[in-house]
């Protein structure tokens, strides 16, 4: 029995540079995210992923290879989508991420939150290198292999608070208790 592939749906943030493309295929939704995600448009991604999880009985696959920039609000949107998926029992898979997204995941020790994510290396940097999974030992951009422990086993809220604290410290901001 063949399954239906519905026409793609594209949503673009009016003021930001974020574009989300969704295609339903046999009860599973493939979401491709492109452009830049920051505080101004993270809520749109959060809402789109929540709606996809609500309407896709077989789950959601997210491709982040089109993102050129992702800040902590974008990461929080992804972590909240993951938390929502776990709560409703729907699979959410981040299948691939761009180098900037992989860097955010590494800096915040969140690679284990999306263990299936493969880092997309720009064409000019592929020579002699394999694709890495987030959380694997990877070149940190200075030719140094970097392997940091990730936040494995933490509860989603604790992981989100951990992300905010790590980013605040790296930006030289005060970390206030919750």
C-alpha atoms as a PDB file:
ATOM      1  CA  UNK A   1       0.000   0.000   0.000  1.00  0.00           C
ATOM      2  CA  UNK A   2       1.509   3.345  -1.044  1.00  0.00           C
ATOM      3  CA  UNK A   3       1.490   6.244   1.355  1.00  0.00           C
ATOM      4  CA  UNK A   4       0.707   9.811   0.467  1.00  0.00           C
ATOM      5  CA  UNK A   5       3.305  12.555   0.421  1.00  0.00           C
ATOM      6  CA  UNK A   6       1.589  15.869   0.998  1.00  0.00           C
ATOM      7  CA  UNK A   7       2.739  19.067  -0.716  1.00  0.00           C
ATOM      8  CA  UNK A   8       5.456  20.961   1.167  1.00  0.00           C
ATOM      9  CA  UNK A   9       4.417  23.809   3.395  1.00  0.00           C
ATOM     10  CA  UNK A  10       6.809  26.746   3.931  1.00  0.00           C
ATOM     11  CA  UNK A  11       6.648  29.255   6.764  1.00  0.00           C
ATOM     12  CA  UNK A  12       8.913  32.304   6.817  1.00  0.00           C
ATOM     13  CA  UNK A  13       9.334  34.634   9.769  1.00  0.00           C
ATOM     14  CA  UNK A  14       8.165  38.089   8.774  1.00  0.00           C
ATOM     15  CA  UNK A  15      11.015  40.062  10.369  1.00  0.00           C
ATOM     16  CA  UNK A  16      13.747  37.485  10.829  1.00  0.00           C
ATOM     17  CA  UNK A  17      15.687  35.327   8.459  1.00  0.00           C
ATOM     18  CA  UNK A  18      14.094  32.018   9.474  1.00  0.00           C
ATOM     19  CA  UNK A  19      12.395  29.673   7.003  1.00  0.00           C
ATOM     20  CA  UNK A  20      10.777  26.369   7.986  1.00  0.00           C
ATOM     21  CA  UNK A  21       9.766  23.846   5.309  1.00  0.00           C
ATOM     22  CA  UNK A  22       7.542  20.906   6.269  1.00  0.00           C
ATOM     23  CA  UNK A  23       6.659  17.830   4.251  1.00  0.00           C
ATOM     24  CA  UNK A  24       4.412  15.057   5.529  1.00  0.00           C
ATOM     25  CA  UNK A  25       5.261  11.583   4.341  1.00  0.00           C
ATOM     26  CA  UNK A  26       3.226   8.634   5.603  1.00  0.00           C
ATOM     27  CA  UNK A  27       2.335  10.129   8.979  1.00  0.00           C
ATOM     28  CA  UNK A  28       5.840  11.453   9.655  1.00  0.00           C
ATOM     29  CA  UNK A  29       6.790  15.113   9.123  1.00  0.00           C
ATOM     30  CA  UNK A  30      10.184  16.184   7.779  1.00  0.00           C
ATOM     31  CA  UNK A  31      11.055  19.725   8.908  1.00  0.00           C
ATOM     32  CA  UNK A  32      13.925  21.613   7.239  1.00  0.00           C
ATOM     33  CA  UNK A  33      15.008  24.797   8.999  1.00  0.00           C
ATOM     34  CA  UNK A  34      17.074  27.448   7.230  1.00  0.00           C
ATOM     35  CA  UNK A  35      18.417  30.934   7.787  1.00  0.00           C
ATOM     36  CA  UNK A  36      19.072  32.289  11.260  1.00  0.00           C
ATOM     37  CA  UNK A  37      17.312  31.635  14.539  1.00  0.00           C
ATOM     38  CA  UNK A  38      17.505  34.082  17.412  1.00  0.00           C
ATOM     39  CA  UNK A  39      15.290  35.527  20.121  1.00  0.00           C
ATOM     40  CA  UNK A  40      13.091  37.263  17.542  1.00  0.00           C
ATOM     41  CA  UNK A  41      12.018  34.091  15.746  1.00  0.00           C
ATOM     42  CA  UNK A  42      12.678  31.194  18.154  1.00  0.00           C
ATOM     43  CA  UNK A  43       9.054  31.191  19.283  1.00  0.00           C
ATOM     44  CA  UNK A  44       7.923  30.550  15.708  1.00  0.00           C
ATOM     45  CA  UNK A  45      10.130  27.435  15.520  1.00  0.00           C
ATOM     46  CA  UNK A  46       8.856  26.286  18.916  1.00  0.00           C
ATOM     47  CA  UNK A  47       5.222  26.639  17.758  1.00  0.00           C
ATOM     48  CA  UNK A  48       5.839  24.935  14.406  1.00  0.00           C
ATOM     49  CA  UNK A  49       7.554  21.947  16.028  1.00  0.00           C
ATOM     50  CA  UNK A  50       4.804  21.654  18.667  1.00  0.00           C
ATOM     51  CA  UNK A  51       2.133  21.655  15.943  1.00  0.00           C
ATOM     52  CA  UNK A  52       4.047  19.072  13.901  1.00  0.00           C
ATOM     53  CA  UNK A  53       4.340  16.825  16.978  1.00  0.00           C
ATOM     54  CA  UNK A  54       0.618  17.215  17.606  1.00  0.00           C
ATOM     55  CA  UNK A  55      -0.417  16.288  14.061  1.00  0.00           C
ATOM     56  CA  UNK A  56       2.203  13.712  13.020  1.00  0.00           C
ATOM     57  CA  UNK A  57       1.325  10.296  14.457  1.00  0.00           C
ATOM     58  CA  UNK A  58       4.681   8.754  13.483  1.00  0.00           C
ATOM     59  CA  UNK A  59       6.887  11.646  14.647  1.00  0.00           C
ATOM     60  CA  UNK A  60       9.025  14.477  13.327  1.00  0.00           C
ATOM     61  CA  UNK A  61      12.461  14.559  11.649  1.00  0.00           C
ATOM     62  CA  UNK A  62      14.289  17.899  11.858  1.00  0.00           C
ATOM     63  CA  UNK A  63      17.091  18.951   9.497  1.00  0.00           C
ATOM     64  CA  UNK A  64      19.068  21.986  10.714  1.00  0.00           C
ATOM     65  CA  UNK A  65      21.744  22.004   7.998  1.00  0.00           C
ATOM     66  CA  UNK A  66      20.321  25.223   6.543  1.00  0.00           C
ATOM     67  CA  UNK A  67      20.875  27.231   9.738  1.00  0.00           C
ATOM     68  CA  UNK A  68      23.746  29.697   9.548  1.00  0.00           C
ATOM     69  CA  UNK A  69      23.192  31.011  13.073  1.00  0.00           C
ATOM     70  CA  UNK A  70      21.534  29.681  16.228  1.00  0.00           C
ATOM     71  CA  UNK A  71      21.666  31.347  19.641  1.00  0.00           C
ATOM     72  CA  UNK A  72      20.528  30.129  23.059  1.00  0.00           C
ATOM     73  CA  UNK A  73      16.879  30.938  22.328  1.00  0.00           C
ATOM     74  CA  UNK A  74      17.024  28.661  19.268  1.00  0.00           C
ATOM     75  CA  UNK A  75      18.633  25.943  21.348  1.00  0.00           C
ATOM     76  CA  UNK A  76      15.948  26.366  24.002  1.00  0.00           C
ATOM     77  CA  UNK A  77      13.252  26.017  21.312  1.00  0.00           C
ATOM     78  CA  UNK A  78      14.823  22.705  20.250  1.00  0.00           C
ATOM     79  CA  UNK A  79      15.163  21.475  23.835  1.00  0.00           C
ATOM     80  CA  UNK A  80      11.548  22.404  24.579  1.00  0.00           C
ATOM     81  CA  UNK A  81      10.416  20.549  21.447  1.00  0.00           C
ATOM     82  CA  UNK A  82      12.382  17.525  22.637  1.00  0.00           C
ATOM     83  CA  UNK A  83      10.775  17.791  26.089  1.00  0.00           C
ATOM     84  CA  UNK A  84       7.310  18.079  24.494  1.00  0.00           C
ATOM     85  CA  UNK A  85       7.995  15.056  22.262  1.00  0.00           C
ATOM     86  CA  UNK A  86       9.019  12.971  25.271  1.00  0.00           C
ATOM     87  CA  UNK A  87       5.891  14.073  27.157  1.00  0.00           C
ATOM     88  CA  UNK A  88       3.504  13.089  24.350  1.00  0.00           C
ATOM     89  CA  UNK A  89       5.428   9.967  23.331  1.00  0.00           C
ATOM     90  CA  UNK A  90       6.096  11.133  19.776  1.00  0.00           C
ATOM     91  CA  UNK A  91       9.533  10.611  18.237  1.00  0.00           C
ATOM     92  CA  UNK A  92      11.492  13.799  17.477  1.00  0.00           C
ATOM     93  CA  UNK A  93      14.733  13.246  15.594  1.00  0.00           C
ATOM     94  CA  UNK A  94      17.263  15.928  14.714  1.00  0.00           C
ATOM     95  CA  UNK A  95      18.890  14.164  11.782  1.00  0.00           C
ATOM     96  CA  UNK A  96      21.508  16.720  10.756  1.00  0.00           C
ATOM     97  CA  UNK A  97      22.893  20.047  11.934  1.00  0.00           C
ATOM     98  CA  UNK A  98      25.052  22.760  10.402  1.00  0.00           C
ATOM     99  CA  UNK A  99      28.500  23.546  11.798  1.00  0.00           C
ATOM    100  CA  UNK A 100      27.217  26.645  13.690  1.00  0.00           C
ATOM    101  CA  UNK A 101      24.485  24.589  15.375  1.00  0.00           C
ATOM    102  CA  UNK A 102      26.983  21.846  16.229  1.00  0.00           C
ATOM    103  CA  UNK A 103      29.204  24.492  17.825  1.00  0.00           C
ATOM    104  CA  UNK A 104      26.317  25.696  20.038  1.00  0.00           C
ATOM    105  CA  UNK A 105      25.552  22.091  21.023  1.00  0.00           C
ATOM    106  CA  UNK A 106      29.219  21.513  21.873  1.00  0.00           C
ATOM    107  CA  UNK A 107      29.678  24.777  23.804  1.00  0.00           C
ATOM    108  CA  UNK A 108      26.599  24.065  25.899  1.00  0.00           C
ATOM    109  CA  UNK A 109      27.274  20.337  26.330  1.00  0.00           C
ATOM    110  CA  UNK A 110      23.904  19.485  24.759  1.00  0.00           C
ATOM    111  CA  UNK A 111      25.107  17.081  22.070  1.00  0.00           C
ATOM    112  CA  UNK A 112      23.614  14.099  23.901  1.00  0.00           C
ATOM    113  CA  UNK A 113      20.151  15.664  23.732  1.00  0.00           C
ATOM    114  CA  UNK A 114      20.222  14.951  19.979  1.00  0.00           C
ATOM    115  CA  UNK A 115      22.526  11.915  19.638  1.00  0.00           C
ATOM    116  CA  UNK A 116      21.425  11.078  16.099  1.00  0.00           C
ATOM    117  CA  UNK A 117      22.425  14.500  14.681  1.00  0.00           C
ATOM    118  CA  UNK A 118      25.163  14.374  12.056  1.00  0.00           C
ATOM    119  CA  UNK A 119      27.201  17.526  11.523  1.00  0.00           C
ATOM    120  CA  UNK A 120      27.113  18.808   7.963  1.00  0.00           C
ATOM    121  CA  UNK A 121      30.606  19.980   6.998  1.00  0.00           C
ATOM    122  CA  UNK A 122      30.819  22.697   4.312  1.00  0.00           C
ATOM    123  CA  UNK A 123      32.015  21.355   0.951  1.00  0.00           C
ATOM    124  CA  UNK A 124      35.473  22.939   1.139  1.00  0.00           C
ATOM    125  CA  UNK A 125      36.228  21.304   4.510  1.00  0.00           C
ATOM    126  CA  UNK A 126      35.186  17.722   3.668  1.00  0.00           C
ATOM    127  CA  UNK A 127      38.509  16.645   2.214  1.00  0.00           C
ATOM    128  CA  UNK A 128      39.899  13.849   4.353  1.00  0.00           C
ATOM    129  CA  UNK A 129      37.307  14.190   7.128  1.00  0.00           C
ATOM    130  CA  UNK A 130      34.344  12.087   8.046  1.00  0.00           C
ATOM    131  CA  UNK A 131      31.039  13.442   9.232  1.00  0.00           C
ATOM    132  CA  UNK A 132      30.851  13.600  13.000  1.00  0.00           C
ATOM    133  CA  UNK A 133      27.911  13.117  15.285  1.00  0.00           C
ATOM    134  CA  UNK A 134      27.218  15.819  17.839  1.00  0.00           C
ATOM    135  CA  UNK A 135      29.095  14.936  20.989  1.00  0.00           C
ATOM    136  CA  UNK A 136      31.809  13.019  19.096  1.00  0.00           C
ATOM    137  CA  UNK A 137      35.364  14.216  19.232  1.00  0.00           C
ATOM    138  CA  UNK A 138      35.471  16.942  16.596  1.00  0.00           C
ATOM    139  CA  UNK A 139      37.733  19.655  15.298  1.00  0.00           C
ATOM    140  CA  UNK A 140      36.841  22.828  17.173  1.00  0.00           C
ATOM    141  CA  UNK A 141      37.786  25.089  14.266  1.00  0.00           C
ATOM    142  CA  UNK A 142      41.338  25.708  15.521  1.00  0.00           C
ATOM    143  CA  UNK A 143      42.686  22.307  14.498  1.00  0.00           C
ATOM    144  CA  UNK A 144      42.341  20.964  18.035  1.00  0.00           C
ATOM    145  CA  UNK A 145      40.280  17.889  18.783  1.00  0.00           C
ATOM    146  CA  UNK A 146      37.848  18.683  21.541  1.00  0.00           C
ATOM    147  CA  UNK A 147      35.848  16.138  23.564  1.00  0.00           C
ATOM    148  CA  UNK A 148      33.777  17.499  26.397  1.00  0.00           C
ATOM    149  CA  UNK A 149      31.317  15.630  28.589  1.00  0.00           C
ATOM    150  CA  UNK A 150      27.740  16.329  27.595  1.00  0.00           C
ATOM    151  CA  UNK A 151      24.750  16.836  29.880  1.00  0.00           C
ATOM    152  CA  UNK A 152      23.606  13.221  29.568  1.00  0.00           C
ATOM    153  CA  UNK A 153      21.021  11.992  32.025  1.00  0.00           C
ATOM    154  CA  UNK A 154      19.832  15.418  33.118  1.00  0.00           C
ATOM    155  CA  UNK A 155      16.154  16.216  33.260  1.00  0.00           C
ATOM    156  CA  UNK A 156      14.992  18.592  30.448  1.00  0.00           C
ATOM    157  CA  UNK A 157      14.441  21.565  32.806  1.00  0.00           C
ATOM    158  CA  UNK A 158      17.788  20.990  34.485  1.00  0.00           C
ATOM    159  CA  UNK A 159      19.419  20.691  31.068  1.00  0.00           C
ATOM    160  CA  UNK A 160      17.823  23.957  29.942  1.00  0.00           C
ATOM    161  CA  UNK A 161      19.022  25.712  33.104  1.00  0.00           C
ATOM    162  CA  UNK A 162      22.474  24.226  32.554  1.00  0.00           C
ATOM    163  CA  UNK A 163      22.506  25.617  28.985  1.00  0.00           C
ATOM    164  CA  UNK A 164      21.526  29.073  30.178  1.00  0.00           C
ATOM    165  CA  UNK A 165      24.186  29.047  32.900  1.00  0.00           C
ATOM    166  CA  UNK A 166      26.947  27.889  30.521  1.00  0.00           C
ATOM    167  CA  UNK A 167      26.041  30.546  27.957  1.00  0.00           C
ATOM    168  CA  UNK A 168      25.828  33.257  30.610  1.00  0.00           C
ATOM    169  CA  UNK A 169      29.289  32.361  31.939  1.00  0.00           C
ATOM    170  CA  UNK A 170      30.775  32.326  28.436  1.00  0.00           C
ATOM    171  CA  UNK A 171      29.274  35.753  27.749  1.00  0.00           C
ATOM    172  CA  UNK A 172      30.543  37.136  31.067  1.00  0.00           C
ATOM    173  CA  UNK A 173      27.053  37.582  32.509  1.00  0.00           C
ATOM    174  CA  UNK A 174      26.027  36.931  36.099  1.00  0.00           C
ATOM    175  CA  UNK A 175      24.213  33.667  36.769  1.00  0.00           C
ATOM    176  CA  UNK A 176      21.330  34.144  39.169  1.00  0.00           C
ATOM    177  CA  UNK A 177      19.728  31.227  41.038  1.00  0.00           C
ATOM    178  CA  UNK A 178      16.327  30.116  39.736  1.00  0.00           C
END
